[in-house]
Amino acid sequence: MTTPRISQSPPPEPPVRPRNWPPPSGPPSSHTRRAGRRLPARRRPLVVDALAAATGLGLGISLALGVGAQTISALQAPGGVATALGRITGMLSGYAMVITVLLSARIPPLERALGQDRLIVWHRRLGPWGLYLLPAHAVLITVGYARAAQTGILAEVGPLLWTYSGILSATVGSALLLAAGVTSYRRARSRMKYETWWAVHLYTYLGLGLSFVHQIDTGAPFVGHPVATAWWTSLWVGALIAVLAFRVGLPLWRSARHDLRVAQVSPAGPNTWSIMLSGRHLERLPTAGGQFMMWRFLRRELWWQAHPYSLSAAPRTGHLRITVKELGDHSTALSRLAPGTRVAFEGPYGVFTADARQSRNVLLVGAGVGTTPIRALLDDLPGDTHVVVLLRGRHSEDIAHLDEFERLVGKRHGLLHALTGPREAVPLDAPALHTLVPDIAERDVFICGPDEFTRTVVAAARDSGVPARHIHHEDFAF
């Protein structure tokens, strides 16, 4: 077995630089030359285009229902324009919220086509628009009704709440939706525990349920229009079925079928633990190195919350492994799990897998606990793939499973760079990447780590000439 080349920084002397930094320049070795022809580019899955077309069609129908409910005489009446705009914004807000929920429903064909991280990005981008339209709907309707009744706006609030069917419950639902939305902004989330945010976010479903009744009972597009009512009801009920099927039913069925239990908990570095899981028929679980799952450990203080953790090794017969760094109450509690603890899970999720590559040679870049999906991905790459692995940590002991990387990269005759020390002393800009990996422009680059690290390496890879379609990264934050 050939020993991999390891660049590792000696900790004592500042500034800390990797050993042999920079590596000798010159033509790449025979191992770094591209092996074979380029793999064919993956086509955009048909399911994506079909669902995009269906979403656009639904938007058009929702807008048409809102506009079609208006008449010329109603628009010319006092407050008619404000009322009409209120109804249209209400329809658009309701439709946006349904699509937002479906984007996070973890529908398997959609998740496999796009990846859970991209769906969550769209979920976060679309979600605020539904919330912006919601208060606009309430204000415009109140203004329109107040002008029609020739009363003040504040004087109209009481009659709306107490006389119109479903308005009070819709107001409570709107407050719950706004609370979930506000706590989802990055600055607010950074000040909250994940468990608190997750619990508040669950109120989204209650808020949507309370709002739905009001739409059907008093919405002008639906009163006396059974076809429109049937379509809108089927849309909302369909979203509910999708959530129950893919976020509740499928995870329960898979968890019961595979009967996962904690087999062993062992240290993998400072405040870092590997959790080995055993179960039944795990070879039938559609997992791949680089994917992650939502894990729920069935212990008294942990069972009610699910957290995303990546696999840290490709699945083996009868076993799965995750590696967790202590970053909060939940991850810290996992170090104390007893063997035999039952585990429920959702997933697997993610397209950060070997199937995403489009060239024969790859560069794998990981930092912090982000090295764990890189470790699992390394298992799954075909044997003829030439691999360069770049791992980043404050100290060498901070790099989880470094000994396993050495063994696996050496077995492949690849190159391993373990870069340690302060970020200022060991930059990962384009010149540094090109020095470490001279043929980087001819490789697929897989990156996993903290947000800032990922953004830095993605930018450096692009500046080094790597096509955007050859750069793969996944955001595991929910």
Protein backbone atom coordinates (compact mmCIF):
# COMPACT_ATOMS: atom_id res chain seq x y z
CA MET A 1 0.00 0.00 0.00
CA THR A 2 1.36 3.42 -0.97
CA THR A 3 1.49 5.94 1.84
CA PRO A 4 -0.43 9.12 0.97
CA ARG A 5 1.38 12.41 0.89
CA ILE A 6 0.33 14.37 3.96
CA SER A 7 0.91 18.08 4.45
CA GLN A 8 0.54 18.75 8.15
CA SER A 9 1.51 21.84 10.04
CA PRO A 10 3.89 21.64 13.00
CA PRO A 11 2.01 23.33 15.84
CA PRO A 12 4.77 25.05 17.84
CA GLU A 13 6.20 27.64 15.46
CA PRO A 14 4.17 30.64 14.32
CA PRO A 15 3.14 31.21 11.64
CA VAL A 16 1.80 27.69 11.29
CA ARG A 17 2.30 26.35 7.76
CA PRO A 18 1.73 22.87 6.41
CA ARG A 19 4.87 20.81 6.02
CA ASN A 20 6.39 21.24 2.52
CA TRP A 21 4.41 24.43 1.99
CA PRO A 22 4.21 25.24 -0.84
CA PRO A 23 4.57 21.82 -2.49
CA PRO A 24 7.04 21.62 -5.36
CA SER A 25 5.60 22.95 -8.59
CA GLY A 26 5.77 21.20 -11.90
CA PRO A 27 3.71 18.79 -13.92
CA PRO A 28 1.37 16.58 -11.94
CA SER A 29 2.36 12.99 -11.34
CA SER A 30 0.83 10.13 -13.25
CA HIS A 31 -1.63 9.70 -10.39
CA THR A 32 -2.93 13.26 -10.74
CA ARG A 33 -3.59 13.05 -14.48
CA ARG A 34 -7.19 12.66 -15.47
CA ALA A 35 -8.16 9.01 -15.75
CA GLY A 36 -10.30 8.22 -18.78
CA ARG A 37 -12.80 10.41 -20.55
CA ARG A 38 -15.11 12.91 -18.95
CA LEU A 39 -18.31 11.50 -17.56
CA PRO A 40 -21.46 12.69 -19.31
CA ALA A 41 -23.12 15.71 -17.73
CA ARG A 42 -26.26 14.89 -15.79
CA ARG A 43 -29.43 16.12 -17.39
CA ARG A 44 -32.01 18.13 -15.51
CA PRO A 45 -34.49 15.56 -14.16
CA LEU A 46 -37.87 15.58 -15.87
CA VAL A 47 -39.61 15.61 -12.49
CA VAL A 48 -38.15 19.07 -11.79
CA ASP A 49 -39.56 20.57 -14.98
CA ALA A 50 -42.92 18.88 -14.45
CA LEU A 51 -43.24 20.16 -10.88
CA ALA A 52 -42.09 23.65 -11.87
CA ALA A 53 -44.78 23.73 -14.58
CA ALA A 54 -47.41 22.49 -12.11
CA THR A 55 -46.38 25.16 -9.59
CA GLY A 56 -46.67 27.89 -12.21
CA LEU A 57 -50.07 26.59 -13.28
CA GLY A 58 -51.28 26.60 -9.67
CA LEU A 59 -50.07 30.17 -9.23
CA GLY A 60 -51.99 31.21 -12.33
CA ILE A 61 -55.16 29.53 -11.09
CA SER A 62 -54.85 31.17 -7.66
CA LEU A 63 -54.37 34.59 -9.20
CA ALA A 64 -57.27 34.02 -11.62
CA LEU A 65 -59.58 33.03 -8.74
CA GLY A 66 -58.68 36.19 -6.83
CA VAL A 67 -59.18 38.45 -9.86
CA GLY A 68 -62.28 36.63 -11.10
CA ALA A 69 -64.09 37.14 -7.81
CA GLN A 70 -64.23 40.90 -8.46
CA THR A 71 -66.90 42.75 -10.42
CA ILE A 72 -66.83 46.19 -11.96
CA SER A 73 -69.58 47.44 -9.67
CA ALA A 74 -67.76 46.11 -6.59
CA LEU A 75 -64.54 47.82 -7.64
CA GLN A 76 -66.36 51.14 -8.11
CA ALA A 77 -67.99 50.97 -4.68
CA PRO A 78 -66.31 52.66 -1.65
CA GLY A 79 -63.36 50.55 -0.54
CA GLY A 80 -63.79 48.22 -3.52
CA VAL A 81 -60.22 48.46 -4.82
CA ALA A 82 -58.70 47.90 -1.37
CA THR A 83 -60.98 44.90 -0.78
CA ALA A 84 -60.12 43.42 -4.18
CA LEU A 85 -56.39 43.80 -3.55
CA GLY A 86 -56.87 42.27 -0.10
CA ARG A 87 -58.54 39.20 -1.60
CA ILE A 88 -55.83 38.79 -4.24
CA THR A 89 -53.01 39.12 -1.70
CA GLY A 90 -54.82 36.59 0.51
CA MET A 91 -54.99 34.05 -2.34
CA LEU A 92 -51.32 34.56 -3.21
CA SER A 93 -50.29 34.32 0.45
CA GLY A 94 -52.19 31.06 0.90
CA TYR A 95 -50.71 29.55 -2.25
CA ALA A 96 -47.16 30.63 -1.34
CA MET A 97 -47.52 29.00 2.07
CA VAL A 98 -48.70 25.70 0.58
CA ILE A 99 -45.71 25.61 -1.77
CA THR A 100 -43.39 26.57 1.10
CA VAL A 101 -44.68 23.60 3.11
CA LEU A 102 -44.30 21.22 0.14
CA LEU A 103 -40.69 22.32 -0.37
CA SER A 104 -39.89 21.11 3.15
CA ALA A 105 -42.11 18.01 3.02
CA ARG A 106 -39.10 15.84 2.00
CA ILE A 107 -40.86 14.30 -0.99
CA PRO A 108 -38.42 11.59 -2.17
CA PRO A 109 -38.50 12.17 -5.99
CA LEU A 110 -38.06 15.91 -5.52
CA GLU A 111 -35.37 15.47 -2.88
CA ARG A 112 -33.40 13.03 -5.06
CA ALA A 113 -33.60 15.36 -8.04
CA LEU A 114 -32.57 18.60 -6.32
CA GLY A 115 -31.16 17.81 -2.90
CA GLN A 116 -32.64 18.75 0.45
CA ASP A 117 -30.31 21.72 0.86
CA ARG A 118 -31.52 23.39 -2.35
CA LEU A 119 -35.15 22.74 -1.45
CA ILE A 120 -34.59 24.33 1.95
CA VAL A 121 -32.96 27.36 0.28
CA TRP A 122 -36.08 27.79 -1.88
CA HIS A 123 -38.25 27.22 1.20
CA ARG A 124 -36.43 30.05 2.98
CA ARG A 125 -36.65 32.38 -0.02
CA LEU A 126 -40.34 31.80 -0.70
CA GLY A 127 -41.48 31.68 2.94
CA PRO A 128 -41.08 35.41 3.67
CA TRP A 129 -43.23 36.34 0.66
CA GLY A 130 -46.18 34.44 2.09
CA LEU A 131 -45.64 36.27 5.37
CA TYR A 132 -45.33 39.68 3.66
CA LEU A 133 -48.59 39.12 1.80
CA LEU A 134 -50.40 38.00 4.95
CA PRO A 135 -50.42 41.36 6.82
CA ALA A 136 -50.99 43.14 3.49
CA HIS A 137 -54.14 41.03 3.06
CA ALA A 138 -55.36 41.85 6.58
CA VAL A 139 -54.71 45.59 6.28
CA LEU A 140 -56.25 45.94 2.81
CA ILE A 141 -59.39 43.98 3.75
CA THR A 142 -59.83 46.07 6.92
CA VAL A 143 -59.38 49.31 4.98
CA GLY A 144 -61.82 48.20 2.28
CA TYR A 145 -64.50 47.12 4.74
CA ALA A 146 -64.05 50.29 6.82
CA ARG A 147 -64.58 52.49 3.78
CA ALA A 148 -67.59 50.47 2.70
CA ALA A 149 -69.11 50.83 6.18
CA GLN A 150 -67.96 54.47 6.41
CA THR A 151 -66.25 53.84 9.73
CA GLY A 152 -62.69 54.21 10.94
CA ILE A 153 -60.13 51.47 10.36
CA LEU A 154 -59.70 50.70 14.08
CA ALA A 155 -63.46 50.71 14.58
CA GLU A 156 -63.78 48.03 11.88
CA VAL A 157 -61.36 45.60 13.58
CA GLY A 158 -63.83 44.52 16.28
CA PRO A 159 -66.73 43.66 13.95
CA LEU A 160 -64.37 41.75 11.64
CA LEU A 161 -63.02 39.64 14.50
CA TRP A 162 -66.32 38.86 16.19
CA THR A 163 -68.90 38.79 13.39
CA TYR A 164 -67.24 37.14 10.41
CA SER A 165 -66.84 33.35 10.46
CA GLY A 166 -63.27 32.15 10.96
CA ILE A 167 -61.66 35.61 11.22
CA LEU A 168 -60.68 35.21 14.88
CA SER A 169 -59.10 31.78 14.32
CA ALA A 170 -57.37 33.11 11.19
CA THR A 171 -55.93 35.99 13.23
CA VAL A 172 -54.53 33.54 15.79
CA GLY A 173 -53.17 31.41 12.95
CA SER A 174 -51.55 34.44 11.34
CA ALA A 175 -49.84 35.32 14.62
CA LEU A 176 -48.43 31.78 14.85
CA LEU A 177 -47.20 31.93 11.25
CA LEU A 178 -45.53 35.28 11.82
CA ALA A 179 -43.86 33.98 14.99
CA ALA A 180 -42.45 30.99 13.08
CA GLY A 181 -41.30 33.28 10.28
CA VAL A 182 -39.60 35.86 12.50
CA THR A 183 -37.70 33.18 14.44
CA SER A 184 -36.46 31.73 11.15
CA TYR A 185 -34.47 34.81 10.18
CA ARG A 186 -30.75 34.16 10.47
CA ARG A 187 -30.12 36.73 13.19
CA ALA A 188 -33.01 35.45 15.31
CA ARG A 189 -32.02 31.81 14.82
CA SER A 190 -28.44 32.53 15.83
CA ARG A 191 -29.72 33.58 19.25
CA MET A 192 -31.93 30.52 19.76
CA LYS A 193 -31.26 26.91 20.53
CA TYR A 194 -32.12 24.58 17.69
CA GLU A 195 -34.64 22.82 19.93
CA THR A 196 -36.48 26.10 20.66
CA TRP A 197 -36.60 27.08 16.98
CA TRP A 198 -37.83 23.60 16.02
CA ALA A 199 -40.65 23.71 18.59
CA VAL A 200 -41.77 27.19 17.47
CA HIS A 201 -41.61 26.12 13.83
CA LEU A 202 -44.09 23.32 14.48
CA TYR A 203 -46.75 25.98 15.11
CA THR A 204 -46.65 26.67 11.36
CA TYR A 205 -48.93 23.70 10.77
CA LEU A 206 -51.39 24.82 13.45
CA GLY A 207 -51.38 28.35 12.01
CA LEU A 208 -52.11 27.06 8.50
CA GLY A 209 -54.95 24.89 9.77
CA LEU A 210 -56.58 27.80 11.60
CA SER A 211 -56.27 30.00 8.50
CA PHE A 212 -57.75 27.47 6.08
CA VAL A 213 -61.24 27.48 7.63
CA HIS A 214 -61.53 31.24 7.22
CA GLN A 215 -60.56 31.08 3.54
CA ILE A 216 -63.28 28.57 2.64
CA ASP A 217 -66.01 30.10 4.82
CA THR A 218 -65.65 33.78 3.85
CA GLY A 219 -63.36 33.93 0.80
CA ALA A 220 -65.17 35.58 -2.13
CA PRO A 221 -63.53 33.22 -4.69
CA PHE A 222 -65.09 30.21 -2.88
CA VAL A 223 -68.50 31.27 -1.55
CA GLY A 224 -71.00 29.85 -4.04
CA HIS A 225 -68.23 28.39 -6.22
CA PRO A 226 -68.00 24.63 -5.51
CA VAL A 227 -65.38 23.91 -8.20
CA ALA A 228 -63.03 26.58 -6.85
CA THR A 229 -63.66 25.33 -3.31
CA ALA A 230 -62.89 21.74 -4.34
CA TRP A 231 -59.65 22.77 -6.06
CA TRP A 232 -58.41 24.88 -3.12
CA THR A 233 -59.38 22.20 -0.62
CA SER A 234 -57.61 19.47 -2.60
CA LEU A 235 -54.48 21.66 -2.76
CA TRP A 236 -54.34 22.13 0.99
CA VAL A 237 -55.37 18.59 1.85
CA GLY A 238 -52.81 17.27 -0.64
CA ALA A 239 -50.08 19.26 1.12
CA LEU A 240 -51.22 17.84 4.47
CA ILE A 241 -51.13 14.28 3.08
CA ALA A 242 -47.62 14.84 1.69
CA VAL A 243 -46.37 16.07 5.07
CA LEU A 244 -47.98 13.17 6.95
CA ALA A 245 -46.79 10.58 4.42
CA PHE A 246 -43.17 11.67 3.99
CA ARG A 247 -42.38 13.33 7.31
CA VAL A 248 -44.32 10.96 9.56
CA GLY A 249 -45.45 7.78 7.80
CA LEU A 250 -42.32 6.89 5.82
CA PRO A 251 -39.92 7.57 8.73
CA LEU A 252 -42.07 5.50 11.10
CA TRP A 253 -42.20 2.61 8.64
CA ARG A 254 -38.46 2.67 7.94
CA SER A 255 -37.58 3.02 11.62
CA ALA A 256 -39.76 0.04 12.54
CA ARG A 257 -38.49 -2.04 9.63
CA HIS A 258 -34.77 -1.48 10.27
CA ASP A 259 -34.93 -1.38 14.10
CA LEU A 260 -31.84 0.79 14.56
CA ARG A 261 -30.13 0.72 17.94
CA VAL A 262 -26.98 2.24 19.36
CA ALA A 263 -24.25 -0.40 19.25
CA GLN A 264 -21.27 1.63 20.48
CA VAL A 265 -20.21 5.18 21.32
CA SER A 266 -16.48 5.92 21.03
CA PRO A 267 -14.33 9.09 21.00
CA ALA A 268 -13.23 10.40 17.60
CA GLY A 269 -11.39 13.53 18.73
CA PRO A 270 -11.72 16.39 21.23
CA ASN A 271 -15.43 16.63 22.15
CA THR A 272 -16.23 14.46 19.14
CA TRP A 273 -17.92 11.07 19.24
CA SER A 274 -18.60 8.29 16.78
CA ILE A 275 -21.90 6.48 17.22
CA MET A 276 -22.13 3.02 15.65
CA LEU A 277 -25.68 1.88 14.92
CA SER A 278 -26.84 -1.65 14.22
CA GLY A 279 -30.09 -2.73 12.61
CA ARG A 280 -31.95 -5.13 10.31
CA HIS A 281 -31.84 -5.22 6.50
CA LEU A 282 -29.71 -2.07 6.29
CA GLU A 283 -28.52 -3.17 2.85
CA ARG A 284 -32.05 -2.32 1.64
CA LEU A 285 -31.84 1.25 2.94
CA PRO A 286 -31.13 3.54 -0.06
CA THR A 287 -28.13 5.29 1.50
CA ALA A 288 -24.91 6.60 -0.04
CA GLY A 289 -21.74 8.11 1.35
CA GLY A 290 -22.18 11.88 1.80
CA GLN A 291 -25.87 11.73 2.70
CA PHE A 292 -27.40 12.71 6.00
CA MET A 293 -30.45 11.72 8.02
CA MET A 294 -32.64 13.29 10.67
CA TRP A 295 -31.96 11.27 13.83
CA ARG A 296 -34.24 10.87 16.83
CA PHE A 297 -32.72 9.00 19.79
CA LEU A 298 -35.51 7.43 21.83
CA ARG A 299 -34.36 8.45 25.27
CA ARG A 300 -36.48 10.44 27.70
CA GLU A 301 -34.84 13.85 27.15
CA LEU A 302 -34.10 13.36 23.44
CA TRP A 303 -37.00 11.51 21.79
CA TRP A 304 -39.06 14.60 20.90
CA GLN A 305 -36.44 16.32 18.72
CA ALA A 306 -34.76 15.29 15.48
CA HIS A 307 -31.34 16.57 14.39
CA PRO A 308 -29.47 16.20 11.07
CA TYR A 309 -26.20 14.27 11.17
CA SER A 310 -24.25 12.90 8.22
CA LEU A 311 -23.08 9.35 7.83
CA SER A 312 -19.34 9.23 8.57
CA ALA A 313 -18.74 5.96 6.74
CA ALA A 314 -20.43 4.26 3.85
CA PRO A 315 -23.07 1.83 5.15
CA ARG A 316 -21.77 -1.63 5.95
CA THR A 317 -23.77 -4.81 6.35
CA GLY A 318 -25.77 -4.38 9.53
CA HIS A 319 -24.16 -1.09 10.60
CA LEU A 320 -24.32 2.67 10.10
CA ARG A 321 -22.04 5.28 11.68
CA ILE A 322 -22.40 8.96 12.44
CA THR A 323 -19.83 11.25 14.05
CA VAL A 324 -21.01 14.13 16.22
CA LYS A 325 -19.16 17.11 17.68
CA GLU A 326 -20.43 18.60 20.93
CA LEU A 327 -21.94 21.90 19.82
CA GLY A 328 -25.09 22.05 21.97
CA ASP A 329 -27.23 20.25 24.52
CA HIS A 330 -28.40 17.58 22.07
CA SER A 331 -25.00 16.66 20.61
CA THR A 332 -23.44 16.68 24.08
CA ALA A 333 -26.09 14.27 25.37
CA LEU A 334 -25.30 11.82 22.57
CA SER A 335 -21.90 11.06 24.11
CA ARG A 336 -23.79 9.46 27.01
CA LEU A 337 -26.00 7.17 24.95
CA ALA A 338 -26.18 3.62 26.26
CA PRO A 339 -25.82 0.65 23.90
CA GLY A 340 -29.23 -0.66 22.98
CA THR A 341 -30.88 2.78 22.79
CA ARG A 342 -33.47 2.69 20.00
CA VAL A 343 -33.15 5.18 17.15
CA ALA A 344 -35.80 6.55 14.78
CA PHE A 345 -34.74 8.36 11.63
CA GLU A 346 -35.86 10.23 8.53
CA GLY A 347 -34.03 9.98 5.25
CA PRO A 348 -31.52 9.48 3.81
CA TYR A 349 -31.33 12.92 2.23
CA GLY A 350 -28.92 14.82 0.03
CA VAL A 351 -27.24 14.67 -3.37
CA PHE A 352 -23.75 15.22 -1.97
CA THR A 353 -22.78 11.80 -3.31
CA ALA A 354 -20.44 10.14 -5.81
CA ASP A 355 -23.23 10.26 -8.41
CA ALA A 356 -22.87 14.04 -8.60
CA ARG A 357 -19.38 13.98 -10.09
CA GLN A 358 -18.88 14.68 -13.75
CA SER A 359 -15.17 13.95 -14.11
CA ARG A 360 -12.95 11.01 -13.18
CA ASN A 361 -10.82 12.85 -10.64
CA VAL A 362 -12.03 14.62 -7.51
CA LEU A 363 -10.88 16.97 -4.77
CA LEU A 364 -12.57 16.43 -1.40
CA VAL A 365 -12.37 19.40 1.00
CA GLY A 366 -13.61 19.26 4.58
CA ALA A 367 -13.32 21.28 7.78
CA GLY A 368 -14.48 20.67 11.32
CA VAL A 369 -17.22 18.08 11.61
CA GLY A 370 -17.74 18.60 7.86
CA THR A 371 -14.98 16.04 7.33
CA THR A 372 -17.42 13.27 8.30
CA PRO A 373 -19.52 13.23 5.08
CA ILE A 374 -16.23 13.60 3.17
CA ARG A 375 -15.05 10.43 4.92
CA ALA A 376 -18.20 8.55 3.89
CA LEU A 377 -18.03 9.90 0.34
CA LEU A 378 -14.46 8.64 0.06
CA ASP A 379 -15.76 5.11 0.69
CA ASP A 380 -18.27 5.34 -2.16
CA LEU A 381 -16.08 6.72 -4.95
CA PRO A 382 -15.27 4.19 -7.68
CA GLY A 383 -11.87 2.56 -7.46
CA ASP A 384 -10.55 4.23 -10.62
CA THR A 385 -11.17 7.75 -9.24
CA HIS A 386 -8.00 9.64 -8.39
CA VAL A 387 -8.58 11.45 -5.12
CA VAL A 388 -6.98 14.45 -3.48
CA VAL A 389 -8.27 15.11 0.04
CA LEU A 390 -7.80 18.45 1.79
CA LEU A 391 -8.76 18.55 5.47
CA ARG A 392 -8.73 21.64 7.65
CA GLY A 393 -8.51 21.81 11.44
CA ARG A 394 -7.05 23.96 14.18
CA HIS A 395 -4.94 21.00 15.29
CA SER A 396 -4.43 17.58 13.75
CA GLU A 397 -6.39 15.93 16.55
CA ASP A 398 -9.37 18.13 15.62
CA ILE A 399 -9.67 16.32 12.27
CA ALA A 400 -12.02 13.41 12.93
CA HIS A 401 -10.94 10.04 11.54
CA LEU A 402 -7.61 11.33 10.19
CA ASP A 403 -6.12 7.85 10.55
CA GLU A 404 -8.90 6.41 8.39
CA PHE A 405 -8.30 9.08 5.76
CA GLU A 406 -4.62 8.16 5.67
CA ARG A 407 -5.41 4.50 5.15
CA LEU A 408 -8.11 5.00 2.52
CA VAL A 409 -6.26 7.66 0.53
CA GLY A 410 -3.08 5.57 0.63
CA LYS A 411 -4.98 2.55 -0.65
CA ARG A 412 -6.12 4.65 -3.62
CA HIS A 413 -2.60 6.06 -4.22
CA GLY A 414 -4.06 9.52 -3.71
CA LEU A 415 -2.87 12.69 -1.98
CA LEU A 416 -3.87 13.84 1.49
CA HIS A 417 -3.26 17.38 2.79
CA ALA A 418 -4.04 17.88 6.48
CA LEU A 419 -3.83 21.66 6.97
CA THR A 420 -3.68 22.83 10.55
CA GLY A 421 -3.19 26.14 12.27
CA PRO A 422 -4.89 29.55 12.27
CA ARG A 423 -6.91 30.42 9.17
CA GLU A 424 -4.83 33.56 8.63
CA ALA A 425 -1.64 31.51 8.51
CA VAL A 426 -2.99 28.77 6.26
CA PRO A 427 -5.26 30.45 3.72
CA LEU A 428 -7.44 28.55 1.28
CA ASP A 429 -7.63 31.10 -1.49
CA ALA A 430 -7.23 30.35 -5.18
CA PRO A 431 -3.38 30.49 -5.22
CA ALA A 432 -3.21 28.12 -2.24
CA LEU A 433 -5.64 25.65 -3.83
CA HIS A 434 -3.80 25.77 -7.14
CA THR A 435 -0.47 25.19 -5.39
CA LEU A 436 -1.82 22.19 -3.47
CA VAL A 437 -3.79 20.79 -6.42
CA PRO A 438 -2.27 21.99 -9.73
CA ASP A 439 -4.90 20.22 -11.83
CA ILE A 440 -7.85 21.48 -9.75
CA ALA A 441 -9.62 22.88 -12.82
CA GLU A 442 -9.94 19.33 -14.16
CA ARG A 443 -11.50 17.90 -11.02
CA ASP A 444 -14.89 17.79 -9.37
CA VAL A 445 -14.66 19.57 -6.01
CA PHE A 446 -16.75 18.42 -3.04
CA ILE A 447 -16.80 20.83 -0.09
CA CYS A 448 -18.29 20.42 3.38
CA GLY A 449 -17.73 22.54 6.45
CA PRO A 450 -18.94 25.66 8.27
CA ASP A 451 -20.79 28.21 6.13
CA GLU A 452 -17.94 30.71 5.96
CA PHE A 453 -15.41 27.99 5.12
CA THR A 454 -17.65 26.61 2.37
CA ARG A 455 -18.20 30.04 0.83
CA THR A 456 -14.45 30.73 0.85
CA VAL A 457 -13.51 27.45 -0.80
CA VAL A 458 -16.32 27.67 -3.37
CA ALA A 459 -15.09 31.14 -4.39
CA ALA A 460 -11.47 29.95 -4.50
CA ALA A 461 -12.39 26.94 -6.63
CA ARG A 462 -14.24 29.15 -9.11
CA ASP A 463 -11.28 31.54 -9.24
CA SER A 464 -9.07 28.51 -9.94
CA GLY A 465 -11.05 27.70 -13.07
CA VAL A 466 -13.35 24.96 -11.75
CA PRO A 467 -16.70 25.09 -13.63
CA ALA A 468 -19.66 25.82 -11.35
CA ARG A 469 -21.30 22.50 -12.28
CA HIS A 470 -18.21 20.68 -10.96
CA ILE A 471 -18.43 22.29 -7.50
CA HIS A 472 -20.60 20.38 -5.03
CA HIS A 473 -21.50 21.48 -1.53
CA GLU A 474 -24.45 20.94 0.73
CA ASP A 475 -25.87 22.99 3.55
CA PHE A 476 -27.16 20.73 6.32
CA ALA A 477 -28.71 23.51 8.42
CA PHE A 478 -32.53 23.43 8.87
